[in-house]
Amino acid sequence: MPTDRTVVDVDSVTKRYGEVVAVDNATFGLPAGSITGFLGPNGAGKTTTLRLLLGLSEPTSGQALVFGRRFRDLDQPMQTVGAVLESDDFDPGRGGRDHLRVLARAGEVPEERVDAVLDVVGLTSAGGRRVRTYSLGMRQRLGVAAAVLGEPQLLVLDEPANGLDPQGMQWLRSFLRSFAEGGGTVLISSHVLAEVAQTVDQVVIINHGEIVADSPLAALTSKRVTLEDIYIDLINETTA
């Protein structure tokens, strides 16, 4: 159940690359215990916003905070925020279990967490296999395992459903809901609107770098229209 405590605070954030404005005065916040869908067309500014939030890029103006601090100022980042921005950020010759062991050592996480998270994502039997043999869906699961290795309070996931089969989608939905019910907070970027509609509590939509909607999902769909219909209407209205 979402609470009034703000976990993510994106405040008037702008990011310019020369003459190109990738994010334009974006403002939104995430309450604790919520799952938020971050939606928008390709090139709308979603990934740039996530990179700004995770300290991988600096805003031109404004600020993006997690738990009231910039990501780089967190005392224990791995135990605070878990993120998946790339599904292929692995050494293909290393086994899945060994990949997680390296991350655990770097993040000062107890090694017993490795087998625990492999079990959570359903990769226990594949843990010894080299990542090059993994399907895209298995690599997505391994990315989620890495994200939760430090038992973080916030998950930031960019297209985590990409490559998942229907069973995998159901697993992801159940996993994210359980994480939120345990007090965690999730920001999930996705193009799979039907899946988002079954998973999230609220929606933030971005187009041309500007936030064009920030609302509880129930309020957006209260008139018996689908999230997909609302999304397409908003994108068409805000596209020149």
C-alpha atoms as a PDB file:
ATOM      1  CA  MET A   1       0.000   0.000   0.000  1.00  0.00           C
ATOM      2  CA  PRO A   2       1.536   3.366  -1.037  1.00  0.00           C
ATOM      3  CA  THR A   3       2.219   5.845   1.756  1.00  0.00           C
ATOM      4  CA  ASP A   4       2.811   9.596   1.905  1.00  0.00           C
ATOM      5  CA  ARG A   5       6.562   9.143   2.345  1.00  0.00           C
ATOM      6  CA  THR A   6       8.358  10.177  -0.857  1.00  0.00           C
ATOM      7  CA  VAL A   7      11.092   7.795  -1.982  1.00  0.00           C
ATOM      8  CA  VAL A   8      11.909   9.358  -5.360  1.00  0.00           C
ATOM      9  CA  ASP A   9      11.771  13.111  -5.922  1.00  0.00           C
ATOM     10  CA  VAL A  10      12.425  14.368  -9.454  1.00  0.00           C
ATOM     11  CA  ASP A  11      12.220  18.156  -9.161  1.00  0.00           C
ATOM     12  CA  SER A  12      12.267  20.419 -12.247  1.00  0.00           C
ATOM     13  CA  VAL A  13      14.933  18.285 -13.940  1.00  0.00           C
ATOM     14  CA  THR A  14      16.246  19.354 -17.342  1.00  0.00           C
ATOM     15  CA  LYS A  15      18.951  17.604 -19.332  1.00  0.00           C
ATOM     16  CA  ARG A  16      20.439  19.177 -22.459  1.00  0.00           C
ATOM     17  CA  TYR A  17      22.909  17.694 -24.903  1.00  0.00           C
ATOM     18  CA  GLY A  18      23.989  20.739 -26.866  1.00  0.00           C
ATOM     19  CA  GLU A  19      20.861  21.990 -28.618  1.00  0.00           C
ATOM     20  CA  VAL A  20      18.913  18.820 -27.833  1.00  0.00           C
ATOM     21  CA  VAL A  21      16.656  18.855 -24.758  1.00  0.00           C
ATOM     22  CA  ALA A  22      16.336  15.228 -23.659  1.00  0.00           C
ATOM     23  CA  VAL A  23      14.421  15.989 -20.447  1.00  0.00           C
ATOM     24  CA  ASP A  24      12.527  19.245 -20.020  1.00  0.00           C
ATOM     25  CA  ASN A  25      11.602  20.462 -16.529  1.00  0.00           C
ATOM     26  CA  ALA A  26      10.412  17.028 -15.384  1.00  0.00           C
ATOM     27  CA  THR A  27       8.814  16.775 -11.953  1.00  0.00           C
ATOM     28  CA  PHE A  28       7.292  13.727 -10.250  1.00  0.00           C
ATOM     29  CA  GLY A  29       7.566  11.747  -7.027  1.00  0.00           C
ATOM     30  CA  LEU A  30       7.080   8.159  -5.915  1.00  0.00           C
ATOM     31  CA  PRO A  31       5.458   7.254  -2.584  1.00  0.00           C
ATOM     32  CA  ALA A  32       6.878   4.378  -0.585  1.00  0.00           C
ATOM     33  CA  GLY A  33       5.266   1.023  -1.253  1.00  0.00           C
ATOM     34  CA  SER A  34       4.133   1.956  -4.761  1.00  0.00           C
ATOM     35  CA  ILE A  35       4.748   0.516  -8.220  1.00  0.00           C
ATOM     36  CA  THR A  36       4.938   3.248 -10.855  1.00  0.00           C
ATOM     37  CA  GLY A  37       4.918   2.695 -14.595  1.00  0.00           C
ATOM     38  CA  PHE A  38       7.185   5.147 -16.435  1.00  0.00           C
ATOM     39  CA  LEU A  39       5.876   5.275 -19.990  1.00  0.00           C
ATOM     40  CA  GLY A  40       6.665   7.052 -23.239  1.00  0.00           C
ATOM     41  CA  PRO A  41       7.675   6.504 -26.872  1.00  0.00           C
ATOM     42  CA  ASN A  42      11.224   5.701 -27.920  1.00  0.00           C
ATOM     43  CA  GLY A  43      13.347   8.821 -27.488  1.00  0.00           C
ATOM     44  CA  ALA A  44      10.867  10.433 -25.096  1.00  0.00           C
ATOM     45  CA  GLY A  45      13.440  10.790 -22.288  1.00  0.00           C
ATOM     46  CA  LYS A  46      12.678   7.741 -20.128  1.00  0.00           C
ATOM     47  CA  THR A  47      16.147   6.208 -20.024  1.00  0.00           C
ATOM     48  CA  THR A  48      17.794   9.633 -19.663  1.00  0.00           C
ATOM     49  CA  THR A  49      15.593  10.335 -16.639  1.00  0.00           C
ATOM     50  CA  LEU A  50      16.496   6.989 -15.075  1.00  0.00           C
ATOM     51  CA  ARG A  51      20.196   7.651 -15.670  1.00  0.00           C
ATOM     52  CA  LEU A  52      19.868  11.042 -13.976  1.00  0.00           C
ATOM     53  CA  LEU A  53      18.124   9.429 -11.012  1.00  0.00           C
ATOM     54  CA  LEU A  54      20.888   6.806 -10.682  1.00  0.00           C
ATOM     55  CA  GLY A  55      23.735   9.320 -10.893  1.00  0.00           C
ATOM     56  CA  LEU A  56      24.938   8.044 -14.274  1.00  0.00           C
ATOM     57  CA  SER A  57      24.436  11.498 -15.751  1.00  0.00           C
ATOM     58  CA  GLU A  58      24.197  14.990 -14.271  1.00  0.00           C
ATOM     59  CA  PRO A  59      21.145  17.189 -14.831  1.00  0.00           C
ATOM     60  CA  THR A  60      21.605  20.521 -16.548  1.00  0.00           C
ATOM     61  CA  SER A  61      19.257  21.941 -13.927  1.00  0.00           C
ATOM     62  CA  GLY A  62      16.971  20.652 -11.199  1.00  0.00           C
ATOM     63  CA  GLN A  63      17.608  17.638  -9.003  1.00  0.00           C
ATOM     64  CA  ALA A  64      16.736  13.938  -8.857  1.00  0.00           C
ATOM     65  CA  LEU A  65      16.804  12.471  -5.351  1.00  0.00           C
ATOM     66  CA  VAL A  66      16.289   9.048  -3.784  1.00  0.00           C
ATOM     67  CA  PHE A  67      15.391   9.068  -0.098  1.00  0.00           C
ATOM     68  CA  GLY A  68      16.175  12.785  -0.071  1.00  0.00           C
ATOM     69  CA  ARG A  69      19.749  12.407  -1.369  1.00  0.00           C
ATOM     70  CA  ARG A  70      21.556  12.250  -4.676  1.00  0.00           C
ATOM     71  CA  PHE A  71      22.399   8.680  -5.588  1.00  0.00           C
ATOM     72  CA  ARG A  72      26.143   9.389  -5.395  1.00  0.00           C
ATOM     73  CA  ASP A  73      25.750  10.570  -1.799  1.00  0.00           C
ATOM     74  CA  LEU A  74      24.103   7.367  -0.535  1.00  0.00           C
ATOM     75  CA  ASP A  75      26.109   5.561   2.147  1.00  0.00           C
ATOM     76  CA  GLN A  76      25.167   2.072   0.930  1.00  0.00           C
ATOM     77  CA  PRO A  77      23.848   2.422  -2.632  1.00  0.00           C
ATOM     78  CA  MET A  78      23.488  -1.317  -3.315  1.00  0.00           C
ATOM     79  CA  GLN A  79      21.478  -1.771  -0.132  1.00  0.00           C
ATOM     80  CA  THR A  80      19.293   1.234  -1.007  1.00  0.00           C
ATOM     81  CA  VAL A  81      18.635   1.094  -4.766  1.00  0.00           C
ATOM     82  CA  GLY A  82      18.638  -1.867  -7.139  1.00  0.00           C
ATOM     83  CA  ALA A  83      18.598  -1.102 -10.861  1.00  0.00           C
ATOM     84  CA  VAL A  84      18.453  -2.814 -14.238  1.00  0.00           C
ATOM     85  CA  LEU A  85      19.098  -0.528 -17.215  1.00  0.00           C
ATOM     86  CA  GLU A  86      20.704  -3.016 -19.623  1.00  0.00           C
ATOM     87  CA  SER A  87      19.820  -6.688 -20.146  1.00  0.00           C
ATOM     88  CA  ASP A  88      23.262  -7.500 -21.573  1.00  0.00           C
ATOM     89  CA  ASP A  89      25.510  -5.981 -18.896  1.00  0.00           C
ATOM     90  CA  PHE A  90      27.211  -9.302 -18.195  1.00  0.00           C
ATOM     91  CA  ASP A  91      30.467 -11.083 -19.001  1.00  0.00           C
ATOM     92  CA  PRO A  92      29.153 -13.732 -21.431  1.00  0.00           C
ATOM     93  CA  GLY A  93      31.858 -16.194 -20.411  1.00  0.00           C
ATOM     94  CA  ARG A  94      31.036 -16.035 -16.713  1.00  0.00           C
ATOM     95  CA  GLY A  95      28.391 -18.145 -15.032  1.00  0.00           C
ATOM     96  CA  GLY A  96      25.298 -16.482 -13.617  1.00  0.00           C
ATOM     97  CA  ARG A  97      26.195 -17.471 -10.049  1.00  0.00           C
ATOM     98  CA  ASP A  98      29.757 -16.176 -10.447  1.00  0.00           C
ATOM     99  CA  HIS A  99      28.464 -12.887 -11.864  1.00  0.00           C
ATOM    100  CA  LEU A 100      26.403 -12.386  -8.727  1.00  0.00           C
ATOM    101  CA  ARG A 101      29.305 -13.391  -6.485  1.00  0.00           C
ATOM    102  CA  VAL A 102      31.460 -10.650  -8.001  1.00  0.00           C
ATOM    103  CA  LEU A 103      28.716  -8.094  -7.389  1.00  0.00           C
ATOM    104  CA  ALA A 104      28.205  -9.330  -3.829  1.00  0.00           C
ATOM    105  CA  ARG A 105      31.885  -8.895  -2.984  1.00  0.00           C
ATOM    106  CA  ALA A 106      31.977  -5.420  -4.542  1.00  0.00           C
ATOM    107  CA  GLY A 107      28.871  -4.350  -2.643  1.00  0.00           C
ATOM    108  CA  GLU A 108      29.847  -5.969   0.662  1.00  0.00           C
ATOM    109  CA  VAL A 109      26.824  -8.253   0.488  1.00  0.00           C
ATOM    110  CA  PRO A 110      26.921 -11.661   2.239  1.00  0.00           C
ATOM    111  CA  GLU A 111      27.640 -14.378  -0.341  1.00  0.00           C
ATOM    112  CA  GLU A 112      24.710 -16.478   0.845  1.00  0.00           C
ATOM    113  CA  ARG A 113      22.470 -13.887  -0.789  1.00  0.00           C
ATOM    114  CA  VAL A 114      23.642 -15.185  -4.200  1.00  0.00           C
ATOM    115  CA  ASP A 115      21.835 -18.504  -3.979  1.00  0.00           C
ATOM    116  CA  ALA A 116      18.858 -16.808  -2.319  1.00  0.00           C
ATOM    117  CA  VAL A 117      18.289 -14.417  -5.222  1.00  0.00           C
ATOM    118  CA  LEU A 118      18.906 -17.121  -7.833  1.00  0.00           C
ATOM    119  CA  ASP A 119      16.061 -19.013  -6.203  1.00  0.00           C
ATOM    120  CA  VAL A 120      13.840 -15.908  -6.169  1.00  0.00           C
ATOM    121  CA  VAL A 121      14.219 -15.392  -9.930  1.00  0.00           C
ATOM    122  CA  GLY A 122      14.020 -19.083 -10.818  1.00  0.00           C
ATOM    123  CA  LEU A 123      17.605 -19.523 -12.009  1.00  0.00           C
ATOM    124  CA  THR A 124      18.963 -21.935  -9.407  1.00  0.00           C
ATOM    125  CA  SER A 125      19.473 -24.767 -11.885  1.00  0.00           C
ATOM    126  CA  ALA A 126      21.021 -22.418 -14.469  1.00  0.00           C
ATOM    127  CA  GLY A 127      23.353 -20.635 -12.046  1.00  0.00           C
ATOM    128  CA  GLY A 128      26.414 -22.592 -13.159  1.00  0.00           C
ATOM    129  CA  ARG A 129      25.846 -22.017 -16.870  1.00  0.00           C
ATOM    130  CA  ARG A 130      27.689 -19.304 -18.750  1.00  0.00           C
ATOM    131  CA  VAL A 131      25.583 -16.252 -19.435  1.00  0.00           C
ATOM    132  CA  ARG A 132      26.199 -16.576 -23.178  1.00  0.00           C
ATOM    133  CA  THR A 133      23.906 -19.618 -23.112  1.00  0.00           C
ATOM    134  CA  TYR A 134      21.052 -17.690 -21.442  1.00  0.00           C
ATOM    135  CA  SER A 135      17.982 -16.599 -23.372  1.00  0.00           C
ATOM    136  CA  LEU A 136      16.990 -12.926 -23.249  1.00  0.00           C
ATOM    137  CA  GLY A 137      14.357 -13.760 -20.647  1.00  0.00           C
ATOM    138  CA  MET A 138      16.935 -15.541 -18.474  1.00  0.00           C
ATOM    139  CA  ARG A 139      19.270 -12.538 -18.722  1.00  0.00           C
ATOM    140  CA  GLN A 140      16.400 -10.327 -17.604  1.00  0.00           C
ATOM    141  CA  ARG A 141      15.882 -12.562 -14.579  1.00  0.00           C
ATOM    142  CA  LEU A 142      19.605 -12.450 -13.809  1.00  0.00           C
ATOM    143  CA  GLY A 143      19.462  -8.658 -13.980  1.00  0.00           C
ATOM    144  CA  VAL A 144      16.619  -8.633 -11.453  1.00  0.00           C
ATOM    145  CA  ALA A 145      18.615 -11.003  -9.229  1.00  0.00           C
ATOM    146  CA  ALA A 146      21.530  -8.550  -9.315  1.00  0.00           C
ATOM    147  CA  ALA A 147      19.203  -5.654  -8.533  1.00  0.00           C
ATOM    148  CA  VAL A 148      17.807  -7.282  -5.377  1.00  0.00           C
ATOM    149  CA  LEU A 149      21.119  -8.743  -4.208  1.00  0.00           C
ATOM    150  CA  GLY A 150      21.635  -6.003  -1.611  1.00  0.00           C
ATOM    151  CA  GLU A 151      18.011  -6.169  -0.395  1.00  0.00           C
ATOM    152  CA  PRO A 152      17.311  -2.592  -1.565  1.00  0.00           C
ATOM    153  CA  GLN A 153      14.313  -0.443  -0.716  1.00  0.00           C
ATOM    154  CA  LEU A 154      13.881   0.892  -4.271  1.00  0.00           C
ATOM    155  CA  LEU A 155      13.964  -0.902  -7.627  1.00  0.00           C
ATOM    156  CA  VAL A 156      14.499   0.984 -10.892  1.00  0.00           C
ATOM    157  CA  LEU A 157      13.872  -1.300 -13.871  1.00  0.00           C
ATOM    158  CA  ASP A 158      14.133  -0.352 -17.546  1.00  0.00           C
ATOM    159  CA  GLU A 159      12.056  -2.699 -19.761  1.00  0.00           C
ATOM    160  CA  PRO A 160      12.334  -5.729 -17.413  1.00  0.00           C
ATOM    161  CA  ALA A 161       9.574  -7.588 -19.296  1.00  0.00           C
ATOM    162  CA  ASN A 162      11.518  -7.566 -22.571  1.00  0.00           C
ATOM    163  CA  GLY A 163      12.062 -11.162 -23.673  1.00  0.00           C
ATOM    164  CA  LEU A 164       9.914 -12.740 -20.971  1.00  0.00           C
ATOM    165  CA  ASP A 165       7.396 -15.392 -21.966  1.00  0.00           C
ATOM    166  CA  PRO A 166       3.852 -15.333 -20.456  1.00  0.00           C
ATOM    167  CA  GLN A 167       5.005 -17.400 -17.474  1.00  0.00           C
ATOM    168  CA  GLY A 168       7.904 -15.006 -16.950  1.00  0.00           C
ATOM    169  CA  MET A 169       5.570 -12.012 -17.159  1.00  0.00           C
ATOM    170  CA  GLN A 170       3.340 -13.544 -14.512  1.00  0.00           C
ATOM    171  CA  TRP A 171       6.375 -14.196 -12.317  1.00  0.00           C
ATOM    172  CA  LEU A 172       7.588 -10.599 -12.711  1.00  0.00           C
ATOM    173  CA  ARG A 173       4.158  -9.192 -11.859  1.00  0.00           C
ATOM    174  CA  SER A 174       3.918 -11.333  -8.729  1.00  0.00           C
ATOM    175  CA  PHE A 175       7.478 -10.537  -7.696  1.00  0.00           C
ATOM    176  CA  LEU A 176       7.013  -6.757  -8.024  1.00  0.00           C
ATOM    177  CA  ARG A 177       3.726  -6.818  -6.120  1.00  0.00           C
ATOM    178  CA  SER A 178       5.291  -8.835  -3.313  1.00  0.00           C
ATOM    179  CA  PHE A 179       8.237  -6.412  -3.187  1.00  0.00           C
ATOM    180  CA  ALA A 180       5.886  -3.429  -2.888  1.00  0.00           C
ATOM    181  CA  GLU A 181       3.678  -5.127  -0.292  1.00  0.00           C
ATOM    182  CA  GLY A 182       6.832  -5.639   1.758  1.00  0.00           C
ATOM    183  CA  GLY A 183       7.376  -1.868   1.797  1.00  0.00           C
ATOM    184  CA  GLY A 184       9.585  -1.576  -1.278  1.00  0.00           C
ATOM    185  CA  THR A 185       9.087   0.948  -4.075  1.00  0.00           C
ATOM    186  CA  VAL A 186       9.334   0.257  -7.803  1.00  0.00           C
ATOM    187  CA  LEU A 187       9.843   2.486 -10.848  1.00  0.00           C
ATOM    188  CA  ILE A 188       9.395   0.429 -14.003  1.00  0.00           C
ATOM    189  CA  SER A 189       9.845   1.619 -17.588  1.00  0.00           C
ATOM    190  CA  SER A 190       7.998  -0.489 -20.133  1.00  0.00           C
ATOM    191  CA  HIS A 191       6.386  -0.559 -23.568  1.00  0.00           C
ATOM    192  CA  VAL A 192       4.127  -3.486 -22.663  1.00  0.00           C
ATOM    193  CA  LEU A 193       1.081  -1.434 -21.703  1.00  0.00           C
ATOM    194  CA  ALA A 194      -1.253  -4.368 -21.071  1.00  0.00           C
ATOM    195  CA  GLU A 195       1.230  -5.804 -18.583  1.00  0.00           C
ATOM    196  CA  VAL A 196       1.813  -2.415 -16.964  1.00  0.00           C
ATOM    197  CA  ALA A 197      -1.933  -2.021 -16.477  1.00  0.00           C
ATOM    198  CA  GLN A 198      -1.978  -5.257 -14.449  1.00  0.00           C
ATOM    199  CA  THR A 199       1.055  -4.351 -12.365  1.00  0.00           C
ATOM    200  CA  VAL A 200       1.311  -0.673 -11.400  1.00  0.00           C
ATOM    201  CA  ASP A 201      -0.412   1.625  -8.903  1.00  0.00           C
ATOM    202  CA  GLN A 202       0.380   4.853 -10.700  1.00  0.00           C
ATOM    203  CA  VAL A 203       1.592   6.058 -14.074  1.00  0.00           C
ATOM    204  CA  VAL A 204       4.022   8.744 -15.201  1.00  0.00           C
ATOM    205  CA  ILE A 205       4.014   9.434 -18.952  1.00  0.00           C
ATOM    206  CA  ILE A 206       6.756  11.395 -20.700  1.00  0.00           C
ATOM    207  CA  ASN A 207       6.837  12.711 -24.270  1.00  0.00           C
ATOM    208  CA  HIS A 208       9.470  14.921 -25.883  1.00  0.00           C
ATOM    209  CA  GLY A 209      11.150  15.143 -22.495  1.00  0.00           C
ATOM    210  CA  GLU A 210       8.089  16.581 -20.747  1.00  0.00           C
ATOM    211  CA  ILE A 211       5.882  14.863 -18.175  1.00  0.00           C
ATOM    212  CA  VAL A 212       2.397  14.775 -19.717  1.00  0.00           C
ATOM    213  CA  ALA A 213       0.673  12.646 -17.069  1.00  0.00           C
ATOM    214  CA  ASP A 214       1.334  11.766 -13.425  1.00  0.00           C
ATOM    215  CA  SER A 215      -1.625  10.004 -11.867  1.00  0.00           C
ATOM    216  CA  PRO A 216      -2.830   6.928  -9.992  1.00  0.00           C
ATOM    217  CA  LEU A 217      -3.754   4.287 -12.553  1.00  0.00           C
ATOM    218  CA  ALA A 218      -7.266   3.985 -11.133  1.00  0.00           C
ATOM    219  CA  ALA A 219      -7.928   7.677 -11.768  1.00  0.00           C
ATOM    220  CA  LEU A 220      -6.747   7.457 -15.379  1.00  0.00           C
ATOM    221  CA  THR A 221      -8.897   4.426 -16.157  1.00  0.00           C
ATOM    222  CA  SER A 222     -11.943   5.341 -14.064  1.00  0.00           C
ATOM    223  CA  LYS A 223     -14.118   5.946 -17.152  1.00  0.00           C
ATOM    224  CA  ARG A 224     -13.682   2.384 -18.397  1.00  0.00           C
ATOM    225  CA  VAL A 225     -11.036   3.307 -20.927  1.00  0.00           C
ATOM    226  CA  THR A 226      -7.834   1.309 -21.160  1.00  0.00           C
ATOM    227  CA  LEU A 227      -4.371   2.509 -20.270  1.00  0.00           C
ATOM    228  CA  GLU A 228      -3.387   1.945 -23.897  1.00  0.00           C
ATOM    229  CA  ASP A 229      -6.175   4.254 -25.141  1.00  0.00           C
ATOM    230  CA  ILE A 230      -5.213   6.970 -22.656  1.00  0.00           C
ATOM    231  CA  TYR A 231      -1.527   6.615 -23.478  1.00  0.00           C
ATOM    232  CA  ILE A 232      -2.054   6.899 -27.248  1.00  0.00           C
ATOM    233  CA  ASP A 233      -4.374   9.906 -26.862  1.00  0.00           C
ATOM    234  CA  LEU A 234      -1.868  11.722 -24.643  1.00  0.00           C
ATOM    235  CA  ILE A 235       1.065  10.999 -26.926  1.00  0.00           C
ATOM    236  CA  ASN A 236      -0.877  12.144 -29.989  1.00  0.00           C
ATOM    237  CA  GLU A 237      -1.999  15.320 -28.214  1.00  0.00           C
ATOM    238  CA  THR A 238       1.529  16.232 -27.162  1.00  0.00           C
ATOM    239  CA  THR A 239       3.297  15.352 -30.409  1.00  0.00           C
ATOM    240  CA  ALA A 240       3.661  18.227 -32.829  1.00  0.00           C
END
